C-alpha atoms as a PDB file:
ATOM      1  CA  MET A   1     -95.052  88.327 224.462  1.00  0.00           C
ATOM      2  CA  PHE A   2     -93.692  85.365 226.336  1.00  0.00           C
ATOM      3  CA  THR A   3     -90.548  85.127 228.326  1.00  0.00           C
ATOM      4  CA  ALA A   4     -89.356  82.046 230.325  1.00  0.00           C
ATOM      5  CA  HIS A   5     -88.317  82.612 234.003  1.00  0.00           C
ATOM      6  CA  VAL A   6     -87.167  80.509 236.744  1.00  0.00           C
ATOM      7  CA  VAL A   7     -88.474  81.488 240.231  1.00  0.00           C
ATOM      8  CA  GLN A   8     -86.886  80.354 243.495  1.00  0.00           C
ATOM      9  CA  LEU A   9     -89.357  78.476 245.744  1.00  0.00           C
ATOM     10  CA  GLY A  10     -89.582  79.453 249.390  1.00  0.00           C
ATOM     11  CA  PRO A  11     -90.591  77.416 252.466  1.00  0.00           C
ATOM     12  CA  GLY A  12     -93.599  75.278 251.831  1.00  0.00           C
ATOM     13  CA  GLY A  13     -93.140  75.464 248.032  1.00  0.00           C
ATOM     14  CA  ARG A  14     -94.231  79.114 247.646  1.00  0.00           C
ATOM     15  CA  LEU A  15     -92.931  81.406 244.961  1.00  0.00           C
ATOM     16  CA  THR A  16     -90.463  84.046 246.121  1.00  0.00           C
ATOM     17  CA  LEU A  17     -89.429  87.365 244.522  1.00  0.00           C
ATOM     18  CA  GLN A  18     -86.078  85.948 243.343  1.00  0.00           C
ATOM     19  CA  HIS A  19     -86.166  85.095 239.671  1.00  0.00           C
ATOM     20  CA  GLN A  20     -84.005  84.992 236.560  1.00  0.00           C
ATOM     21  CA  THR A  21     -84.893  84.950 232.888  1.00  0.00           C
ATOM     22  CA  VAL A  22     -84.120  81.726 231.061  1.00  0.00           C
ATOM     23  CA  SER A  23     -83.055  81.279 227.514  1.00  0.00           C
ATOM     24  CA  ALA A  24     -81.790  78.373 225.506  1.00  0.00           C
ATOM     25  CA  ARG A  25     -78.251  79.370 226.365  1.00  0.00           C
ATOM     26  CA  ASN A  26     -78.614  79.265 230.083  1.00  0.00           C
ATOM     27  CA  ALA A  27     -81.293  76.637 230.446  1.00  0.00           C
ATOM     28  CA  PRO A  28     -78.890  73.759 231.077  1.00  0.00           C
ATOM     29  CA  GLU A  29     -77.818  75.575 234.472  1.00  0.00           C
ATOM     30  CA  PHE A  30     -81.363  74.809 235.670  1.00  0.00           C
ATOM     31  CA  ALA A  31     -81.564  71.267 234.435  1.00  0.00           C
ATOM     32  CA  ALA A  32     -82.435  69.944 237.810  1.00  0.00           C
ATOM     33  CA  GLY A  33     -85.802  71.788 237.784  1.00  0.00           C
ATOM     34  CA  LEU A  34     -86.722  71.507 234.168  1.00  0.00           C
ATOM     35  CA  LEU A  35     -88.643  68.808 232.369  1.00  0.00           C
ATOM     36  CA  PRO A  36     -87.586  67.649 228.829  1.00  0.00           C
ATOM     37  CA  ASP A  37     -90.394  69.526 227.109  1.00  0.00           C
ATOM     38  CA  ASP A  38     -89.477  72.686 228.951  1.00  0.00           C
ATOM     39  CA  TYR A  39     -86.320  73.075 226.744  1.00  0.00           C
ATOM     40  CA  GLU A  40     -88.606  73.308 223.653  1.00  0.00           C
ATOM     41  CA  LEU A  41     -90.898  75.847 225.234  1.00  0.00           C
ATOM     42  CA  ILE A  42     -87.901  78.031 226.179  1.00  0.00           C
ATOM     43  CA  ALA A  43     -86.534  77.787 222.575  1.00  0.00           C
ATOM     44  CA  LEU A  44     -90.040  78.778 221.336  1.00  0.00           C
ATOM     45  CA  CYS A  45     -90.071  81.799 223.700  1.00  0.00           C
ATOM     46  CA  ASP A  46     -86.604  82.782 222.391  1.00  0.00           C
ATOM     47  CA  GLN A  47     -87.726  82.572 218.823  1.00  0.00           C
ATOM     48  CA  LEU A  48     -90.714  84.944 219.558  1.00  0.00           C
ATOM     49  CA  GLN A  49     -88.409  87.756 220.745  1.00  0.00           C
ATOM     50  CA  GLN A  50     -87.848  90.852 218.472  1.00  0.00           C
ATOM     51  CA  GLU A  51     -84.181  90.176 217.885  1.00  0.00           C
ATOM     52  CA  ALA A  52     -84.961  86.575 216.868  1.00  0.00           C
ATOM     53  CA  VAL A  53     -87.691  87.693 214.389  1.00  0.00           C
ATOM     54  CA  LEU A  54     -85.312  90.332 213.056  1.00  0.00           C
ATOM     55  CA  LYS A  55     -82.498  87.809 212.492  1.00  0.00           C
ATOM     56  CA  GLU A  56     -84.886  85.444 210.869  1.00  0.00           C
ATOM     57  CA  PHE A  57     -86.187  87.940 208.247  1.00  0.00           C
ATOM     58  CA  TRP A  58     -83.468  90.523 207.759  1.00  0.00           C
ATOM     59  CA  PRO A  59     -79.847  89.251 207.186  1.00  0.00           C
ATOM     60  CA  ARG A  60     -78.248  92.718 207.326  1.00  0.00           C
ATOM     61  CA  LYS A  61     -77.470  94.627 210.489  1.00  0.00           C
ATOM     62  CA  ILE A  62     -80.383  96.986 211.478  1.00  0.00           C
ATOM     63  CA  SER A  63     -81.911  98.009 214.740  1.00  0.00           C
ATOM     64  CA  ALA A  64     -85.130  96.287 215.685  1.00  0.00           C
ATOM     65  CA  ALA A  65     -86.946  99.635 215.855  1.00  0.00           C
ATOM     66  CA  ASP A  66     -85.892 100.668 212.361  1.00  0.00           C
ATOM     67  CA  PHE A  67     -86.749  97.128 210.958  1.00  0.00           C
ATOM     68  CA  PHE A  68     -90.328  97.106 212.450  1.00  0.00           C
ATOM     69  CA  LEU A  69     -91.029 100.814 211.761  1.00  0.00           C
ATOM     70  CA  LYS A  70     -89.988 100.303 208.112  1.00  0.00           C
ATOM     71  CA  THR A  71     -91.759  96.899 207.603  1.00  0.00           C
ATOM     72  CA  TYR A  72     -94.968  98.062 209.283  1.00  0.00           C
ATOM     73  CA  ASN A  73     -95.160 101.574 207.895  1.00  0.00           C
ATOM     74  CA  PRO A  74     -98.816 102.178 206.983  1.00  0.00           C
ATOM     75  CA  GLU A  75     -97.895 103.799 203.693  1.00  0.00           C
ATOM     76  CA  LYS A  76     -94.716 102.067 202.452  1.00  0.00           C
ATOM     77  CA  GLY A  77     -94.803  98.869 204.578  1.00  0.00           C
ATOM     78  CA  ASP A  78     -93.843  95.438 203.151  1.00  0.00           C
ATOM     79  CA  LYS A  79     -97.114  93.485 203.124  1.00  0.00           C
ATOM     80  CA  PRO A  80     -95.621  90.205 202.023  1.00  0.00           C
ATOM     81  CA  LEU A  81     -92.879  90.451 204.742  1.00  0.00           C
ATOM     82  CA  GLN A  82     -95.714  91.346 207.291  1.00  0.00           C
ATOM     83  CA  GLU A  83     -97.587  88.242 206.343  1.00  0.00           C
ATOM     84  CA  ALA A  84     -94.409  86.060 206.523  1.00  0.00           C
ATOM     85  CA  ILE A  85     -93.729  87.465 210.099  1.00  0.00           C
ATOM     86  CA  ALA A  86     -97.377  86.858 211.141  1.00  0.00           C
ATOM     87  CA  ARG A  87     -97.171  83.229 209.949  1.00  0.00           C
ATOM     88  CA  TYR A  88     -93.788  82.718 211.680  1.00  0.00           C
ATOM     89  CA  VAL A  89     -95.031  84.278 214.989  1.00  0.00           C
ATOM     90  CA  GLN A  90     -98.453  82.541 214.864  1.00  0.00           C
ATOM     91  CA  ASN A  91     -96.912  79.164 214.210  1.00  0.00           C
ATOM     92  CA  ARG A  92     -94.544  79.489 217.153  1.00  0.00           C
ATOM     93  CA  LEU A  93     -97.151  81.013 219.409  1.00  0.00           C
ATOM     94  CA  GLY A  94     -99.596  78.121 218.636  1.00  0.00           C
ATOM     95  CA  ARG A  95     -96.880  75.512 219.498  1.00  0.00           C
ATOM     96  CA  LEU A  96     -95.970  77.378 222.646  1.00  0.00           C
ATOM     97  CA  LEU A  97     -99.665  77.650 223.888  1.00  0.00           C
ATOM     98  CA  ALA A  98    -100.270  73.981 223.259  1.00  0.00           C
ATOM     99  CA  GLY A  99     -97.078  73.141 225.247  1.00  0.00           C
ATOM    100  CA  LEU A 100     -98.080  75.294 228.186  1.00  0.00           C
ATOM    101  CA  ALA A 101    -101.043  73.096 229.112  1.00  0.00           C
ATOM    102  CA  GLY A 102    -100.391  71.973 232.705  1.00  0.00           C
ATOM    103  CA  LYS A 103     -97.668  74.466 233.383  1.00  0.00           C
ATOM    104  CA  GLN A 104     -97.595  77.508 235.636  1.00  0.00           C
ATOM    105  CA  VAL A 105     -98.257  80.634 233.507  1.00  0.00           C
ATOM    106  CA  PHE A 106     -98.208  84.152 234.860  1.00  0.00           C
ATOM    107  CA  VAL A 107     -98.769  87.668 233.796  1.00  0.00           C
ATOM    108  CA  MET A 108     -95.618  89.875 234.439  1.00  0.00           C
ATOM    109  CA  GLY A 109     -96.339  92.847 236.517  1.00  0.00           C
ATOM    110  CA  ARG A 110     -95.317  96.387 235.575  1.00  0.00           C
ATOM    111  CA  ASP A 111     -92.493  96.238 238.057  1.00  0.00           C
ATOM    112  CA  GLY A 112     -90.888  93.255 236.247  1.00  0.00           C
ATOM    113  CA  GLU A 113     -92.241  90.649 238.761  1.00  0.00           C
ATOM    114  CA  PRO A 114     -92.831  87.499 236.622  1.00  0.00           C
ATOM    115  CA  THR A 115     -95.348  85.922 238.987  1.00  0.00           C
ATOM    116  CA  TRP A 116     -97.634  88.957 239.383  1.00  0.00           C
ATOM    117  CA  ARG A 117    -100.929  87.165 238.416  1.00  0.00           C
ATOM    118  CA  ALA A 118    -101.431  83.485 237.705  1.00  0.00           C
ATOM    119  CA  LEU A 119    -103.296  82.451 234.536  1.00  0.00           C
ATOM    120  CA  ALA A 120    -105.085  79.298 233.998  1.00  0.00           C
ATOM    121  CA  LEU A 121    -105.454  77.979 230.468  1.00  0.00           C
ATOM    122  CA  ALA A 122    -108.932  76.634 229.620  1.00  0.00           C
ATOM    123  CA  PRO A 123    -109.077  72.755 229.360  1.00  0.00           C
ATOM    124  CA  ALA A 124    -111.281  73.138 226.122  1.00  0.00           C
ATOM    125  CA  ALA A 125    -111.465  75.762 223.441  1.00  0.00           C
ATOM    126  CA  ALA A 126    -114.383  78.215 223.817  1.00  0.00           C
ATOM    127  CA  SER A 127    -116.859  78.974 221.206  1.00  0.00           C
ATOM    128  CA  VAL A 128    -118.307  82.406 220.801  1.00  0.00           C
ATOM    129  CA  LEU A 129    -121.955  82.595 219.923  1.00  0.00           C
ATOM    130  CA  PHE A 130    -123.773  85.832 218.977  1.00  0.00           C
ATOM    131  CA  HIS A 131    -127.582  86.156 218.862  1.00  0.00           C
ATOM    132  CA  PHE A 132    -129.066  88.885 216.628  1.00  0.00           C
ATOM    133  CA  ARG A 133    -132.439  90.553 217.028  1.00  0.00           C
ATOM    134  CA  ARG A 134    -133.751  92.710 214.341  1.00  0.00           C
ATOM    135  CA  GLY A 135    -135.444  95.893 215.642  1.00  0.00           C
ATOM    136  CA  ASP A 136    -136.702  99.203 214.403  1.00  0.00           C
ATOM    137  CA  GLU A 137    -133.360 100.796 215.031  1.00  0.00           C
ATOM    138  CA  GLY A 138    -131.146  98.177 213.341  1.00  0.00           C
ATOM    139  CA  THR A 139    -129.720  94.920 214.326  1.00  0.00           C
ATOM    140  CA  PRO A 140    -127.828  95.114 217.661  1.00  0.00           C
ATOM    141  CA  ILE A 141    -125.888  92.288 219.138  1.00  0.00           C
ATOM    142  CA  SER A 142    -128.064  91.199 222.022  1.00  0.00           C
ATOM    143  CA  ARG A 143    -126.411  88.241 223.915  1.00  0.00           C
ATOM    144  CA  PRO A 144    -122.601  87.673 223.355  1.00  0.00           C
ATOM    145  CA  PHE A 145    -121.433  84.709 225.410  1.00  0.00           C
ATOM    146  CA  SER A 146    -118.286  82.455 225.215  1.00  0.00           C
ATOM    147  CA  THR A 147    -118.673  78.889 226.437  1.00  0.00           C
ATOM    148  CA  SER A 148    -118.821  75.318 225.248  1.00  0.00           C
ATOM    149  CA  ASN A 149    -122.051  74.592 227.033  1.00  0.00           C
ATOM    150  CA  ASN A 150    -125.052  75.373 224.822  1.00  0.00           C
ATOM    151  CA  ASP A 151    -127.575  74.362 227.481  1.00  0.00           C
ATOM    152  CA  LEU A 152    -126.420  77.330 229.617  1.00  0.00           C
ATOM    153  CA  ILE A 153    -126.933  79.684 226.794  1.00  0.00           C
ATOM    154  CA  SER A 154    -130.495  78.646 226.061  1.00  0.00           C
ATOM    155  CA  SER A 155    -131.409  79.040 229.783  1.00  0.00           C
ATOM    156  CA  LEU A 156    -130.393  82.747 229.933  1.00  0.00           C
ATOM    157  CA  LYS A 157    -133.370  84.959 230.562  1.00  0.00           C
ATOM    158  CA  THR A 158    -132.609  87.865 232.952  1.00  0.00           C
ATOM    159  CA  PRO A 159    -130.651  90.855 231.483  1.00  0.00           C
ATOM    160  CA  CYS A 160    -128.453  92.734 233.799  1.00  0.00           C
ATOM    161  CA  SER A 161    -128.813  96.242 234.937  1.00  0.00           C
ATOM    162  CA  CYS A 162    -125.744  97.443 233.033  1.00  0.00           C
ATOM    163  CA  ALA A 163    -126.809 100.714 231.263  1.00  0.00           C
ATOM    164  CA  SER A 164    -123.327 101.340 229.922  1.00  0.00           C
ATOM    165  CA  SER A 165    -123.296  98.092 227.926  1.00  0.00           C
ATOM    166  CA  ARG A 166    -124.588  98.123 224.438  1.00  0.00           C
ATOM    167  CA  LEU A 167    -123.866  94.447 224.106  1.00  0.00           C
ATOM    168  CA  GLY A 168    -126.348  93.374 226.771  1.00  0.00           C
ATOM    169  CA  CYS A 169    -124.445  91.323 229.225  1.00  0.00           C
ATOM    170  CA  TRP A 170    -126.571  88.843 231.352  1.00  0.00           C
ATOM    171  CA  SER A 171    -126.301  88.719 235.187  1.00  0.00           C
ATOM    172  CA  ARG A 172    -127.318  85.001 235.271  1.00  0.00           C
ATOM    173  CA  THR A 173    -124.357  84.262 232.946  1.00  0.00           C
ATOM    174  CA  CYS A 174    -121.975  86.238 235.037  1.00  0.00           C
ATOM    175  CA  SER A 175    -123.054  84.573 238.296  1.00  0.00           C
ATOM    176  CA  THR A 176    -122.975  81.081 236.743  1.00  0.00           C
ATOM    177  CA  ILE A 177    -119.534  81.505 235.179  1.00  0.00           C
ATOM    178  CA  PHE A 178    -117.732  83.664 237.697  1.00  0.00           C
ATOM    179  CA  GLY A 179    -119.415  82.296 240.742  1.00  0.00           C
ATOM    180  CA  THR A 180    -120.627  85.621 241.987  1.00  0.00           C
ATOM    181  CA  THR A 181    -123.350  88.211 241.373  1.00  0.00           C
ATOM    182  CA  TRP A 182    -122.136  91.286 239.449  1.00  0.00           C
ATOM    183  CA  THR A 183    -123.911  94.489 239.468  1.00  0.00           C
ATOM    184  CA  GLY A 184    -123.696  97.508 237.251  1.00  0.00           C
ATOM    185  CA  ALA A 185    -120.826  97.808 234.731  1.00  0.00           C
ATOM    186  CA  SER A 186    -118.852  95.368 236.705  1.00  0.00           C
ATOM    187  CA  CYS A 187    -120.800  92.360 235.191  1.00  0.00           C
ATOM    188  CA  CYS A 188    -119.812  93.323 231.617  1.00  0.00           C
ATOM    189  CA  ARG A 189    -116.796  90.917 231.457  1.00  0.00           C
ATOM    190  CA  PHE A 190    -117.119  90.170 227.783  1.00  0.00           C
END
């Protein structure tokens, strides 16, 4: 899910293509560029790796593929172990995401480039609101929207022209949030 990388900076502070994976073992080599809380984030990334989860929950020697296939088998899977693994991962993932505020976070590209696309964490948690309208054919979801600004939701009036969306995206929402006018299926960003 998450891996820690160091990326060399080029002229003007721009990111280059030279990078290296960082773990708790080799993090001291990069001490000059790391902050004290970075070491905890690196350790959390290490704890989320398959091998670390395997070591935490299975003391005997087994391959990661065999362990996860056996544990998550739909018919014979170990439900209590699945729940324990989920709690373990969610706990560490929550701490990691909380610690990433203010840090540079990227999506890794298919070619292994760790700085393929930059991500920005939202400063405040979003709330998802659904409006239901009962009709002759049932109760479809009419206006899903994720925001913390309730005034914006009440001001939505213009449905978009997206025929492919059964959720009913709203063009005014899209232009307000994304700063551009979306047409057709492109506006259905929800």
